C-alpha atoms as a PDB file:
ATOM      1  CA  UNK A   1      46.317 162.061  97.213  1.00  0.00           C
ATOM      2  CA  UNK A   2      46.628 158.571  98.248  1.00  0.00           C
ATOM      3  CA  UNK A   3      49.759 158.308  96.326  1.00  0.00           C
ATOM      4  CA  UNK A   4      51.052 161.623  97.816  1.00  0.00           C
ATOM      5  CA  UNK A   5      50.316 160.137 101.347  1.00  0.00           C
ATOM      6  CA  UNK A   6      52.068 156.864 100.390  1.00  0.00           C
ATOM      7  CA  UNK A   7      55.174 158.689  99.025  1.00  0.00           C
ATOM      8  CA  UNK A   8      55.290 160.827 101.937  1.00  0.00           C
ATOM      9  CA  UNK A   9      54.841 157.942 104.278  1.00  0.00           C
ATOM     10  CA  UNK A  10      57.574 155.861 102.585  1.00  0.00           C
ATOM     11  CA  UNK A  11      60.045 158.804 102.561  1.00  0.00           C
ATOM     12  CA  UNK A  12      59.206 159.357 106.393  1.00  0.00           C
ATOM     13  CA  UNK A  13      60.539 155.759 106.898  1.00  0.00           C
ATOM     14  CA  UNK A  14      63.311 155.979 104.528  1.00  0.00           C
ATOM     15  CA  UNK A  15      64.558 158.798 106.562  1.00  0.00           C
ATOM     16  CA  UNK A  16      64.352 157.017 109.994  1.00  0.00           C
ATOM     17  CA  UNK A  17      66.193 153.887 108.489  1.00  0.00           C
ATOM     18  CA  UNK A  18      68.744 156.178 106.840  1.00  0.00           C
ATOM     19  CA  UNK A  19      69.047 158.019 109.931  1.00  0.00           C
ATOM     20  CA  UNK A  20      69.572 154.901 112.195  1.00  0.00           C
ATOM     21  CA  UNK A  21      72.033 152.956 109.646  1.00  0.00           C
ATOM     22  CA  UNK A  22      75.217 153.874 111.499  1.00  0.00           C
ATOM     23  CA  UNK A  23      73.767 152.757 114.965  1.00  0.00           C
ATOM     24  CA  UNK A  24      72.383 149.457 113.434  1.00  0.00           C
ATOM     25  CA  UNK A  25      75.833 149.019 111.747  1.00  0.00           C
ATOM     26  CA  UNK A  26      77.469 149.549 115.020  1.00  0.00           C
ATOM     27  CA  UNK A  27      75.236 147.019 116.815  1.00  0.00           C
ATOM     28  CA  UNK A  28      75.810 144.596 113.918  1.00  0.00           C
ATOM     29  CA  UNK A  29      79.518 145.012 114.346  1.00  0.00           C
ATOM     30  CA  UNK A  30      79.350 144.518 117.888  1.00  0.00           C
ATOM     31  CA  UNK A  31      77.227 141.452 117.778  1.00  0.00           C
ATOM     32  CA  UNK A  32      79.589 139.931 114.955  1.00  0.00           C
ATOM     33  CA  UNK A  33      82.573 140.974 117.131  1.00  0.00           C
ATOM     34  CA  UNK A  34      81.113 139.151 120.298  1.00  0.00           C
ATOM     35  CA  UNK A  35      80.201 136.184 118.213  1.00  0.00           C
ATOM     36  CA  UNK A  36      83.782 135.955 116.783  1.00  0.00           C
ATOM     37  CA  UNK A  37      85.148 136.462 120.337  1.00  0.00           C
ATOM     38  CA  UNK A  38      83.112 133.544 121.793  1.00  0.00           C
ATOM     39  CA  UNK A  39      84.074 131.433 118.637  1.00  0.00           C
ATOM     40  CA  UNK A  40      87.962 132.054 119.092  1.00  0.00           C
ATOM     41  CA  UNK A  41      87.407 131.278 123.036  1.00  0.00           C
ATOM     42  CA  UNK A  42      85.814 128.059 122.195  1.00  0.00           C
ATOM     43  CA  UNK A  43      88.512 127.311 119.626  1.00  0.00           C
ATOM     44  CA  UNK A  44      91.204 128.109 122.120  1.00  0.00           C
ATOM     45  CA  UNK A  45      89.353 126.041 124.792  1.00  0.00           C
ATOM     46  CA  UNK A  46      89.269 123.050 122.221  1.00  0.00           C
ATOM     47  CA  UNK A  47      93.009 123.489 121.364  1.00  0.00           C
ATOM     48  CA  UNK A  48      93.938 123.565 124.978  1.00  0.00           C
ATOM     49  CA  UNK A  49      91.926 120.451 125.758  1.00  0.00           C
ATOM     50  CA  UNK A  50      93.711 118.669 122.777  1.00  0.00           C
ATOM     51  CA  UNK A  51      97.327 119.617 123.765  1.00  0.00           C
ATOM     52  CA  UNK A  52      96.778 119.204 127.528  1.00  0.00           C
ATOM     53  CA  UNK A  53      95.458 115.556 126.864  1.00  0.00           C
ATOM     54  CA  UNK A  54      98.252 115.007 124.465  1.00  0.00           C
ATOM     55  CA  UNK A  55     100.884 112.136 125.351  1.00  0.00           C
ATOM     56  CA  UNK A  56     104.497 113.433 125.765  1.00  0.00           C
ATOM     57  CA  UNK A  57     105.029 110.763 123.053  1.00  0.00           C
ATOM     58  CA  UNK A  58     103.657 113.324 120.530  1.00  0.00           C
ATOM     59  CA  UNK A  59     106.509 115.591 121.418  1.00  0.00           C
ATOM     60  CA  UNK A  60     109.052 112.772 120.589  1.00  0.00           C
ATOM     61  CA  UNK A  61     110.634 112.184 117.064  1.00  0.00           C
ATOM     62  CA  UNK A  62     109.734 108.537 116.099  1.00  0.00           C
ATOM     63  CA  UNK A  63     112.020 106.930 113.717  1.00  0.00           C
ATOM     64  CA  UNK A  64     109.827 106.004 110.828  1.00  0.00           C
ATOM     65  CA  UNK A  65     109.419 102.151 110.328  1.00  0.00           C
ATOM     66  CA  UNK A  66     107.971 100.001 107.313  1.00  0.00           C
ATOM     67  CA  UNK A  67     105.147  97.835 108.613  1.00  0.00           C
ATOM     68  CA  UNK A  68     104.560  96.448 105.360  1.00  0.00           C
ATOM     69  CA  UNK A  69     107.375  94.701 103.579  1.00  0.00           C
ATOM     70  CA  UNK A  70     108.194  95.688  99.888  1.00  0.00           C
ATOM     71  CA  UNK A  71     109.342  92.777  98.023  1.00  0.00           C
ATOM     72  CA  UNK A  72     111.139  93.252  94.846  1.00  0.00           C
ATOM     73  CA  UNK A  73     110.395  91.139  91.654  1.00  0.00           C
ATOM     74  CA  UNK A  74     112.842  88.272  92.596  1.00  0.00           C
ATOM     75  CA  UNK A  75     111.228  88.115  96.079  1.00  0.00           C
ATOM     76  CA  UNK A  76     107.779  88.337  94.826  1.00  0.00           C
ATOM     77  CA  UNK A  77     108.304  85.108  92.696  1.00  0.00           C
ATOM     78  CA  UNK A  78     109.688  83.327  95.729  1.00  0.00           C
ATOM     79  CA  UNK A  79     106.649  84.666  97.840  1.00  0.00           C
ATOM     80  CA  UNK A  80     104.322  83.234  95.309  1.00  0.00           C
ATOM     81  CA  UNK A  81     105.418  79.684  95.955  1.00  0.00           C
ATOM     82  CA  UNK A  82     104.353  80.058  99.693  1.00  0.00           C
ATOM     83  CA  UNK A  83     100.615  80.728  98.712  1.00  0.00           C
ATOM     84  CA  UNK A  84      99.572  77.259 100.013  1.00  0.00           C
ATOM     85  CA  UNK A  85      98.695  77.234 103.571  1.00  0.00           C
ATOM     86  CA  UNK A  86     101.304  74.953 105.458  1.00  0.00           C
ATOM     87  CA  UNK A  87      99.909  74.849 109.048  1.00  0.00           C
ATOM     88  CA  UNK A  88      96.442  73.433 109.448  1.00  0.00           C
ATOM     89  CA  UNK A  89      96.954  72.261 112.801  1.00  0.00           C
ATOM     90  CA  UNK A  90      96.940  75.538 114.755  1.00  0.00           C
ATOM     91  CA  UNK A  91      95.394  79.002 114.483  1.00  0.00           C
ATOM     92  CA  UNK A  92      97.518  81.162 112.151  1.00  0.00           C
ATOM     93  CA  UNK A  93      95.203  84.289 112.074  1.00  0.00           C
ATOM     94  CA  UNK A  94      93.196  86.170 114.854  1.00  0.00           C
ATOM     95  CA  UNK A  95      89.578  87.129 114.208  1.00  0.00           C
ATOM     96  CA  UNK A  96      90.872  90.825 113.598  1.00  0.00           C
ATOM     97  CA  UNK A  97      93.110  89.197 110.975  1.00  0.00           C
ATOM     98  CA  UNK A  98      96.541  89.564 112.867  1.00  0.00           C
ATOM     99  CA  UNK A  99      98.995  86.791 111.647  1.00  0.00           C
ATOM    100  CA  UNK A 100     100.070  84.359 114.404  1.00  0.00           C
ATOM    101  CA  UNK A 101     103.768  83.241 113.756  1.00  0.00           C
ATOM    102  CA  UNK A 102     104.412  79.594 113.926  1.00  0.00           C
ATOM    103  CA  UNK A 103     107.195  77.488 112.447  1.00  0.00           C
ATOM    104  CA  UNK A 104     106.128  76.863 108.893  1.00  0.00           C
ATOM    105  CA  UNK A 105     104.107  79.768 108.242  1.00  0.00           C
ATOM    106  CA  UNK A 106     106.942  81.930 106.800  1.00  0.00           C
ATOM    107  CA  UNK A 107     110.151  81.672 104.847  1.00  0.00           C
ATOM    108  CA  UNK A 108     113.237  82.634 106.883  1.00  0.00           C
ATOM    109  CA  UNK A 109     115.488  83.461 103.991  1.00  0.00           C
ATOM    110  CA  UNK A 110     112.727  85.457 102.278  1.00  0.00           C
ATOM    111  CA  UNK A 111     112.067  87.664 105.441  1.00  0.00           C
ATOM    112  CA  UNK A 112     115.789  88.198 106.160  1.00  0.00           C
ATOM    113  CA  UNK A 113     116.486  89.329 102.637  1.00  0.00           C
ATOM    114  CA  UNK A 114     113.499  91.497 102.606  1.00  0.00           C
ATOM    115  CA  UNK A 115     114.469  93.296 105.800  1.00  0.00           C
ATOM    116  CA  UNK A 116     118.090  93.401 104.995  1.00  0.00           C
ATOM    117  CA  UNK A 117     117.867  96.773 103.140  1.00  0.00           C
ATOM    118  CA  UNK A 118     116.038  98.585 105.805  1.00  0.00           C
ATOM    119  CA  UNK A 119     118.956  99.028 108.245  1.00  0.00           C
ATOM    120  CA  UNK A 120     116.842  98.498 111.341  1.00  0.00           C
ATOM    121  CA  UNK A 121     117.997  98.747 115.040  1.00  0.00           C
ATOM    122  CA  UNK A 122     116.005  96.991 117.508  1.00  0.00           C
ATOM    123  CA  UNK A 123     116.096  98.221 121.266  1.00  0.00           C
ATOM    124  CA  UNK A 124     115.789  95.364 123.747  1.00  0.00           C
ATOM    125  CA  UNK A 125     115.047  96.014 127.492  1.00  0.00           C
ATOM    126  CA  UNK A 126     115.700  93.336 130.298  1.00  0.00           C
ATOM    127  CA  UNK A 127     115.556  93.613 133.931  1.00  0.00           C
ATOM    128  CA  UNK A 128     118.326  91.921 135.946  1.00  0.00           C
ATOM    129  CA  UNK A 129     117.495  93.028 139.493  1.00  0.00           C
ATOM    130  CA  UNK A 130     118.782  91.091 142.653  1.00  0.00           C
ATOM    131  CA  UNK A 131     119.479  87.464 142.031  1.00  0.00           C
ATOM    132  CA  UNK A 132     118.107  87.561 138.541  1.00  0.00           C
ATOM    133  CA  UNK A 133     121.378  88.826 137.772  1.00  0.00           C
ATOM    134  CA  UNK A 134     122.623  85.396 137.322  1.00  0.00           C
ATOM    135  CA  UNK A 135     120.518  84.661 134.307  1.00  0.00           C
ATOM    136  CA  UNK A 136     121.901  87.576 132.230  1.00  0.00           C
ATOM    137  CA  UNK A 137     124.964  85.776 130.881  1.00  0.00           C
ATOM    138  CA  UNK A 138     122.917  82.726 129.313  1.00  0.00           C
ATOM    139  CA  UNK A 139     120.110  85.402 128.130  1.00  0.00           C
ATOM    140  CA  UNK A 140     122.945  87.533 126.357  1.00  0.00           C
ATOM    141  CA  UNK A 141     124.925  84.670 124.829  1.00  0.00           C
ATOM    142  CA  UNK A 142     121.790  82.864 123.417  1.00  0.00           C
ATOM    143  CA  UNK A 143     120.470  86.139 122.138  1.00  0.00           C
ATOM    144  CA  UNK A 144     123.624  86.865 120.226  1.00  0.00           C
ATOM    145  CA  UNK A 145     123.197  83.430 118.414  1.00  0.00           C
ATOM    146  CA  UNK A 146     119.584  83.687 117.765  1.00  0.00           C
ATOM    147  CA  UNK A 147     117.930  87.176 118.343  1.00  0.00           C
ATOM    148  CA  UNK A 148     117.489  89.601 115.430  1.00  0.00           C
ATOM    149  CA  UNK A 149     120.653  88.124 113.669  1.00  0.00           C
ATOM    150  CA  UNK A 150     121.855  90.507 110.912  1.00  0.00           C
ATOM    151  CA  UNK A 151     119.892  93.443 112.445  1.00  0.00           C
ATOM    152  CA  UNK A 152     121.265  96.282 114.778  1.00  0.00           C
ATOM    153  CA  UNK A 153     120.487  95.410 118.552  1.00  0.00           C
ATOM    154  CA  UNK A 154     120.729  97.788 121.286  1.00  0.00           C
ATOM    155  CA  UNK A 155     120.526  95.802 125.014  1.00  0.00           C
ATOM    156  CA  UNK A 156     119.227  97.928 127.548  1.00  0.00           C
ATOM    157  CA  UNK A 157     120.019  96.417 130.867  1.00  0.00           C
ATOM    158  CA  UNK A 158     118.203  97.424 134.106  1.00  0.00           C
ATOM    159  CA  UNK A 159     120.015  96.363 137.242  1.00  0.00           C
ATOM    160  CA  UNK A 160     120.835  97.267 140.734  1.00  0.00           C
ATOM    161  CA  UNK A 161     124.252  95.407 140.357  1.00  0.00           C
ATOM    162  CA  UNK A 162     125.781  97.110 137.486  1.00  0.00           C
ATOM    163  CA  UNK A 163     129.281  95.676 138.445  1.00  0.00           C
ATOM    164  CA  UNK A 164     127.996  92.147 138.045  1.00  0.00           C
ATOM    165  CA  UNK A 165     126.909  92.593 134.445  1.00  0.00           C
ATOM    166  CA  UNK A 166     128.799  89.766 132.627  1.00  0.00           C
ATOM    167  CA  UNK A 167     131.087  90.531 129.758  1.00  0.00           C
ATOM    168  CA  UNK A 168     129.710  89.135 126.619  1.00  0.00           C
ATOM    169  CA  UNK A 169     131.166  89.381 123.141  1.00  0.00           C
ATOM    170  CA  UNK A 170     128.669  91.140 120.810  1.00  0.00           C
ATOM    171  CA  UNK A 171     128.334  91.215 117.130  1.00  0.00           C
ATOM    172  CA  UNK A 172     128.781  94.191 114.664  1.00  0.00           C
ATOM    173  CA  UNK A 173     125.915  96.567 115.041  1.00  0.00           C
ATOM    174  CA  UNK A 174     125.141  95.199 118.529  1.00  0.00           C
ATOM    175  CA  UNK A 175     125.694  97.146 121.849  1.00  0.00           C
ATOM    176  CA  UNK A 176     124.752  97.122 125.397  1.00  0.00           C
ATOM    177  CA  UNK A 177     123.914  99.992 127.863  1.00  0.00           C
ATOM    178  CA  UNK A 178     123.546  99.489 131.621  1.00  0.00           C
ATOM    179  CA  UNK A 179     121.077 101.436 133.508  1.00  0.00           C
ATOM    180  CA  UNK A 180     121.055 101.372 137.454  1.00  0.00           C
ATOM    181  CA  UNK A 181     117.949 100.810 139.025  1.00  0.00           C
ATOM    182  CA  UNK A 182     117.121 100.627 142.854  1.00  0.00           C
ATOM    183  CA  UNK A 183     116.832  97.066 144.606  1.00  0.00           C
ATOM    184  CA  UNK A 184     113.177  96.553 145.336  1.00  0.00           C
ATOM    185  CA  UNK A 185     111.480  95.471 148.626  1.00  0.00           C
ATOM    186  CA  UNK A 186     109.461  92.723 147.000  1.00  0.00           C
ATOM    187  CA  UNK A 187     110.031  90.824 143.692  1.00  0.00           C
ATOM    188  CA  UNK A 188     106.420  91.810 142.797  1.00  0.00           C
ATOM    189  CA  UNK A 189     107.532  95.657 142.881  1.00  0.00           C
ATOM    190  CA  UNK A 190     109.953  94.825 139.981  1.00  0.00           C
ATOM    191  CA  UNK A 191     106.903  93.778 137.974  1.00  0.00           C
ATOM    192  CA  UNK A 192     104.815  96.590 139.153  1.00  0.00           C
ATOM    193  CA  UNK A 193     107.657  99.212 138.210  1.00  0.00           C
ATOM    194  CA  UNK A 194     109.006  97.699 134.975  1.00  0.00           C
ATOM    195  CA  UNK A 195     106.468  99.638 132.731  1.00  0.00           C
ATOM    196  CA  UNK A 196     107.219 102.952 134.409  1.00  0.00           C
ATOM    197  CA  UNK A 197     110.886 102.461 134.032  1.00  0.00           C
ATOM    198  CA  UNK A 198     110.457 101.484 130.406  1.00  0.00           C
ATOM    199  CA  UNK A 199     108.327 104.324 129.430  1.00  0.00           C
ATOM    200  CA  UNK A 200     110.810 106.618 131.064  1.00  0.00           C
ATOM    201  CA  UNK A 201     113.618 105.200 129.267  1.00  0.00           C
ATOM    202  CA  UNK A 202     111.883 105.345 125.966  1.00  0.00           C
ATOM    203  CA  UNK A 203     111.220 108.952 126.415  1.00  0.00           C
ATOM    204  CA  UNK A 204     114.464 110.037 127.661  1.00  0.00           C
ATOM    205  CA  UNK A 205     116.926 108.251 125.146  1.00  0.00           C
ATOM    206  CA  UNK A 206     115.551 104.914 123.798  1.00  0.00           C
ATOM    207  CA  UNK A 207     113.380 106.670 121.239  1.00  0.00           C
ATOM    208  CA  UNK A 208     116.339 108.248 119.704  1.00  0.00           C
ATOM    209  CA  UNK A 209     118.235 105.020 119.010  1.00  0.00           C
ATOM    210  CA  UNK A 210     115.996 102.446 117.577  1.00  0.00           C
ATOM    211  CA  UNK A 211     112.833 101.838 115.357  1.00  0.00           C
ATOM    212  CA  UNK A 212     111.371  98.883 117.242  1.00  0.00           C
ATOM    213  CA  UNK A 213     111.610  97.587 120.880  1.00  0.00           C
ATOM    214  CA  UNK A 214     111.165  94.238 122.643  1.00  0.00           C
ATOM    215  CA  UNK A 215     110.629  93.899 126.346  1.00  0.00           C
ATOM    216  CA  UNK A 216     112.203  90.728 127.555  1.00  0.00           C
ATOM    217  CA  UNK A 217     112.460  88.744 130.773  1.00  0.00           C
ATOM    218  CA  UNK A 218     116.053  87.795 131.734  1.00  0.00           C
ATOM    219  CA  UNK A 219     115.440  84.559 133.205  1.00  0.00           C
ATOM    220  CA  UNK A 220     115.062  82.864 129.697  1.00  0.00           C
ATOM    221  CA  UNK A 221     117.123  81.707 126.763  1.00  0.00           C
ATOM    222  CA  UNK A 222     117.233  81.495 123.112  1.00  0.00           C
ATOM    223  CA  UNK A 223     117.174  78.277 121.362  1.00  0.00           C
ATOM    224  CA  UNK A 224     115.926  79.234 117.767  1.00  0.00           C
ATOM    225  CA  UNK A 225     115.555  81.984 115.475  1.00  0.00           C
ATOM    226  CA  UNK A 226     113.576  85.070 116.664  1.00  0.00           C
ATOM    227  CA  UNK A 227     114.083  87.381 113.653  1.00  0.00           C
ATOM    228  CA  UNK A 228     112.410  90.089 111.705  1.00  0.00           C
ATOM    229  CA  UNK A 229     109.282  87.811 111.126  1.00  0.00           C
ATOM    230  CA  UNK A 230     108.461  88.939 114.782  1.00  0.00           C
ATOM    231  CA  UNK A 231     108.521  92.665 113.881  1.00  0.00           C
ATOM    232  CA  UNK A 232     105.069  94.725 113.894  1.00  0.00           C
ATOM    233  CA  UNK A 233     103.436  97.695 115.079  1.00  0.00           C
ATOM    234  CA  UNK A 234     102.236  95.939 118.457  1.00  0.00           C
ATOM    235  CA  UNK A 235     103.390  92.377 118.997  1.00  0.00           C
ATOM    236  CA  UNK A 236     102.174  90.049 121.927  1.00  0.00           C
ATOM    237  CA  UNK A 237     102.968  86.298 122.756  1.00  0.00           C
ATOM    238  CA  UNK A 238     100.437  83.942 123.537  1.00  0.00           C
ATOM    239  CA  UNK A 239     100.979  82.054 126.957  1.00  0.00           C
ATOM    240  CA  UNK A 240     102.188  78.667 126.675  1.00  0.00           C
ATOM    241  CA  UNK A 241     100.159  77.264 129.334  1.00  0.00           C
ATOM    242  CA  UNK A 242      96.942  78.790 128.150  1.00  0.00           C
ATOM    243  CA  UNK A 243      97.048  78.556 124.283  1.00  0.00           C
ATOM    244  CA  UNK A 244      94.811  75.369 124.170  1.00  0.00           C
ATOM    245  CA  UNK A 245      92.403  76.372 126.732  1.00  0.00           C
ATOM    246  CA  UNK A 246      88.947  77.995 126.809  1.00  0.00           C
ATOM    247  CA  UNK A 247      88.546  81.655 127.901  1.00  0.00           C
ATOM    248  CA  UNK A 248      86.963  81.034 130.979  1.00  0.00           C
ATOM    249  CA  UNK A 249      90.335  79.487 132.319  1.00  0.00           C
ATOM    250  CA  UNK A 250      92.277  82.570 131.776  1.00  0.00           C
ATOM    251  CA  UNK A 251      93.715  84.048 134.799  1.00  0.00           C
ATOM    252  CA  UNK A 252      92.655  87.509 133.912  1.00  0.00           C
ATOM    253  CA  UNK A 253      91.822  90.110 136.605  1.00  0.00           C
ATOM    254  CA  UNK A 254      88.186  89.400 137.397  1.00  0.00           C
ATOM    255  CA  UNK A 255      87.821  91.988 140.272  1.00  0.00           C
ATOM    256  CA  UNK A 256      86.001  95.263 138.986  1.00  0.00           C
ATOM    257  CA  UNK A 257      88.011  97.431 141.398  1.00  0.00           C
ATOM    258  CA  UNK A 258      91.039  96.988 139.333  1.00  0.00           C
ATOM    259  CA  UNK A 259      91.811  98.856 136.107  1.00  0.00           C
ATOM    260  CA  UNK A 260      92.885  95.592 134.668  1.00  0.00           C
ATOM    261  CA  UNK A 261      89.519  93.981 134.950  1.00  0.00           C
ATOM    262  CA  UNK A 262      88.327  91.781 132.176  1.00  0.00           C
ATOM    263  CA  UNK A 263      84.701  90.551 132.304  1.00  0.00           C
ATOM    264  CA  UNK A 264      84.146  86.916 132.528  1.00  0.00           C
ATOM    265  CA  UNK A 265      82.809  86.461 129.105  1.00  0.00           C
ATOM    266  CA  UNK A 266      85.390  88.674 127.383  1.00  0.00           C
ATOM    267  CA  UNK A 267      89.062  88.618 126.388  1.00  0.00           C
ATOM    268  CA  UNK A 268      90.926  87.005 123.332  1.00  0.00           C
ATOM    269  CA  UNK A 269      93.936  85.275 123.990  1.00  0.00           C
ATOM    270  CA  UNK A 270      96.164  85.248 127.400  1.00  0.00           C
ATOM    271  CA  UNK A 271      99.378  87.067 126.770  1.00  0.00           C
ATOM    272  CA  UNK A 272     102.468  86.440 128.821  1.00  0.00           C
ATOM    273  CA  UNK A 273     104.677  89.454 129.722  1.00  0.00           C
ATOM    274  CA  UNK A 274     108.149  87.752 129.059  1.00  0.00           C
ATOM    275  CA  UNK A 275     108.044  89.063 125.611  1.00  0.00           C
ATOM    276  CA  UNK A 276     106.050  91.883 124.112  1.00  0.00           C
ATOM    277  CA  UNK A 277     107.030  94.714 121.751  1.00  0.00           C
ATOM    278  CA  UNK A 278     106.621  96.621 118.395  1.00  0.00           C
ATOM    279  CA  UNK A 279     107.300  99.874 117.050  1.00  0.00           C
ATOM    280  CA  UNK A 280     108.654 102.563 119.505  1.00  0.00           C
ATOM    281  CA  UNK A 281     105.471 104.868 119.513  1.00  0.00           C
ATOM    282  CA  UNK A 282     103.159 101.856 120.170  1.00  0.00           C
ATOM    283  CA  UNK A 283     105.195 100.327 122.875  1.00  0.00           C
ATOM    284  CA  UNK A 284     105.442 103.694 124.617  1.00  0.00           C
ATOM    285  CA  UNK A 285     101.876 104.204 124.352  1.00  0.00           C
ATOM    286  CA  UNK A 286     101.385 100.645 126.042  1.00  0.00           C
ATOM    287  CA  UNK A 287     103.801 101.252 129.052  1.00  0.00           C
ATOM    288  CA  UNK A 288     102.409 104.722 129.595  1.00  0.00           C
ATOM    289  CA  UNK A 289      98.900 103.413 129.953  1.00  0.00           C
ATOM    290  CA  UNK A 290      99.845 100.474 131.871  1.00  0.00           C
ATOM    291  CA  UNK A 291     101.806 102.517 134.431  1.00  0.00           C
ATOM    292  CA  UNK A 292      98.975 105.005 134.869  1.00  0.00           C
ATOM    293  CA  UNK A 293      96.588 102.306 135.371  1.00  0.00           C
ATOM    294  CA  UNK A 294      99.033 100.447 137.788  1.00  0.00           C
ATOM    295  CA  UNK A 295      99.325 103.712 139.844  1.00  0.00           C
ATOM    296  CA  UNK A 296      95.473 104.234 139.819  1.00  0.00           C
ATOM    297  CA  UNK A 297      95.188 100.693 141.351  1.00  0.00           C
ATOM    298  CA  UNK A 298      97.789 101.440 143.979  1.00  0.00           C
ATOM    299  CA  UNK A 299      96.005 104.539 145.147  1.00  0.00           C
ATOM    300  CA  UNK A 300      93.040 102.431 146.188  1.00  0.00           C
ATOM    301  CA  UNK A 301      95.047  99.593 147.722  1.00  0.00           C
ATOM    302  CA  UNK A 302      94.628  97.011 144.857  1.00  0.00           C
ATOM    303  CA  UNK A 303      97.307  94.934 143.174  1.00  0.00           C
ATOM    304  CA  UNK A 304      96.198  93.105 140.074  1.00  0.00           C
ATOM    305  CA  UNK A 305      96.383  89.183 140.182  1.00  0.00           C
ATOM    306  CA  UNK A 306      99.411  89.095 137.935  1.00  0.00           C
ATOM    307  CA  UNK A 307     100.744  92.646 138.449  1.00  0.00           C
ATOM    308  CA  UNK A 308     102.014  93.946 135.149  1.00  0.00           C
ATOM    309  CA  UNK A 309     100.793  90.910 133.096  1.00  0.00           C
ATOM    310  CA  UNK A 310      97.155  91.513 134.015  1.00  0.00           C
ATOM    311  CA  UNK A 311      97.415  95.196 132.912  1.00  0.00           C
ATOM    312  CA  UNK A 312      99.186  94.099 129.866  1.00  0.00           C
ATOM    313  CA  UNK A 313      96.425  91.545 128.975  1.00  0.00           C
ATOM    314  CA  UNK A 314      93.795  94.286 129.626  1.00  0.00           C
ATOM    315  CA  UNK A 315      95.804  96.721 127.183  1.00  0.00           C
ATOM    316  CA  UNK A 316      95.837  94.134 124.612  1.00  0.00           C
ATOM    317  CA  UNK A 317      92.079  93.142 124.890  1.00  0.00           C
ATOM    318  CA  UNK A 318      91.452  96.987 124.314  1.00  0.00           C
ATOM    319  CA  UNK A 319      94.035  97.632 121.765  1.00  0.00           C
ATOM    320  CA  UNK A 320      94.305  94.635 119.728  1.00  0.00           C
ATOM    321  CA  UNK A 321      98.045  93.606 118.747  1.00  0.00           C
ATOM    322  CA  UNK A 322      98.982  93.714 115.012  1.00  0.00           C
ATOM    323  CA  UNK A 323     100.939  90.509 115.263  1.00  0.00           C
ATOM    324  CA  UNK A 324     100.888  87.447 117.706  1.00  0.00           C
ATOM    325  CA  UNK A 325     103.802  85.154 118.388  1.00  0.00           C
ATOM    326  CA  UNK A 326     102.935  81.447 118.959  1.00  0.00           C
ATOM    327  CA  UNK A 327     104.126  79.834 122.217  1.00  0.00           C
ATOM    328  CA  UNK A 328     107.254  78.791 120.384  1.00  0.00           C
ATOM    329  CA  UNK A 329     108.317  82.234 121.192  1.00  0.00           C
ATOM    330  CA  UNK A 330     107.572  82.197 124.890  1.00  0.00           C
ATOM    331  CA  UNK A 331     107.715  78.454 125.909  1.00  0.00           C
ATOM    332  CA  UNK A 332     108.221  77.055 129.483  1.00  0.00           C
ATOM    333  CA  UNK A 333     110.697  74.563 129.909  1.00  0.00           C
ATOM    334  CA  UNK A 334     108.761  73.040 132.683  1.00  0.00           C
ATOM    335  CA  UNK A 335     106.284  72.039 129.787  1.00  0.00           C
ATOM    336  CA  UNK A 336     108.863  70.045 128.318  1.00  0.00           C
ATOM    337  CA  UNK A 337     109.028  69.257 124.497  1.00  0.00           C
ATOM    338  CA  UNK A 338     105.941  67.201 124.448  1.00  0.00           C
ATOM    339  CA  UNK A 339     103.266  69.534 122.681  1.00  0.00           C
ATOM    340  CA  UNK A 340     102.914  68.392 119.040  1.00  0.00           C
ATOM    341  CA  UNK A 341     102.082  71.880 117.821  1.00  0.00           C
ATOM    342  CA  UNK A 342     105.431  72.804 118.958  1.00  0.00           C
ATOM    343  CA  UNK A 343     107.635  72.324 116.100  1.00  0.00           C
ATOM    344  CA  UNK A 344     110.398  74.544 117.301  1.00  0.00           C
ATOM    345  CA  UNK A 345     111.198  76.186 120.724  1.00  0.00           C
ATOM    346  CA  UNK A 346     112.594  79.657 120.135  1.00  0.00           C
ATOM    347  CA  UNK A 347     112.627  81.372 123.356  1.00  0.00           C
ATOM    348  CA  UNK A 348     111.679  79.785 126.827  1.00  0.00           C
ATOM    349  CA  UNK A 349     111.787  80.140 130.418  1.00  0.00           C
ATOM    350  CA  UNK A 350     114.593  78.419 132.260  1.00  0.00           C
ATOM    351  CA  UNK A 351     113.826  76.102 134.955  1.00  0.00           C
ATOM    352  CA  UNK A 352     114.586  77.580 138.336  1.00  0.00           C
ATOM    353  CA  UNK A 353     113.603  77.629 142.101  1.00  0.00           C
ATOM    354  CA  UNK A 354     111.581  80.651 142.089  1.00  0.00           C
ATOM    355  CA  UNK A 355     111.303  80.731 145.667  1.00  0.00           C
ATOM    356  CA  UNK A 356     115.091  81.032 145.960  1.00  0.00           C
ATOM    357  CA  UNK A 357     115.630  83.618 143.250  1.00  0.00           C
ATOM    358  CA  UNK A 358     112.419  85.771 144.325  1.00  0.00           C
ATOM    359  CA  UNK A 359     113.869  87.598 147.387  1.00  0.00           C
ATOM    360  CA  UNK A 360     111.605  89.129 150.040  1.00  0.00           C
ATOM    361  CA  UNK A 361     108.288  87.235 148.815  1.00  0.00           C
END
């Protein structure tokens, strides 16, 4: 009797379960569908956030560059002879293991031969606005003798006086493009706008023409080799007036209200804005970030202590350069030739009357 009852009881619940299976399956399907829709919504939202935050740089096609030089067997044999340190009087590597390029730390013939097969083009931006146009001839003439000799170079000159751009004979594989820009009210405005103009130029046309880019000041001259030893993903030059000073004497932006703010106990080197560069994508990211930070400062009525140079130093503090150029590559003629560490001045600021060439100070 107990078995019969149990059997009857089991059969009764089986019938209930079987009767409700379609409804249960419908509910399960409904819940799964809701879960799938919710998951899909979350996924779409994540994708939207990802792509809406993307830099325009991800929509550009960057030329592939070789950041690690591949030596053939003969060059490897030559390289093996350079394994002993040749400079012990200066710092030749950063704490994050980026090389610092000094005279004697590389073999120019070895470097040139290694890079000769890459067919590289180096874009070079230079601003010759207002009275600074007078320096352009000396800049270009000296660059043709010493800057990236043996490689293709595309000079992009930004000026408000395109008719005054000098006619300088350029070597094979080297060309010059003139870009007209407005004349700014203050000389500081040139510094503040330069990052924006370089970023825009990279996006619109420069990225299609070169693998690397260097951004240089016009009131400078080349005196010695600046070649492919200077190439890297992100390259910065150590300021000639600060390379042997302690960090607390660096003229970083120290006001917290500015996006260029670097705390008193922070920072690595003090970099000069006269020369910076690297792979096209990396320099685009640098100029875009600096432009955005400059605009944020302007929106609250703040101008960093040294305009774009302050923002450049902040960016390179946050994003370590992969190669540093010693002060040989950004010397100041006002310092004279006296520093014993400087074996060869390669690129330097010319002596000038700043008050006279800087209009509307």
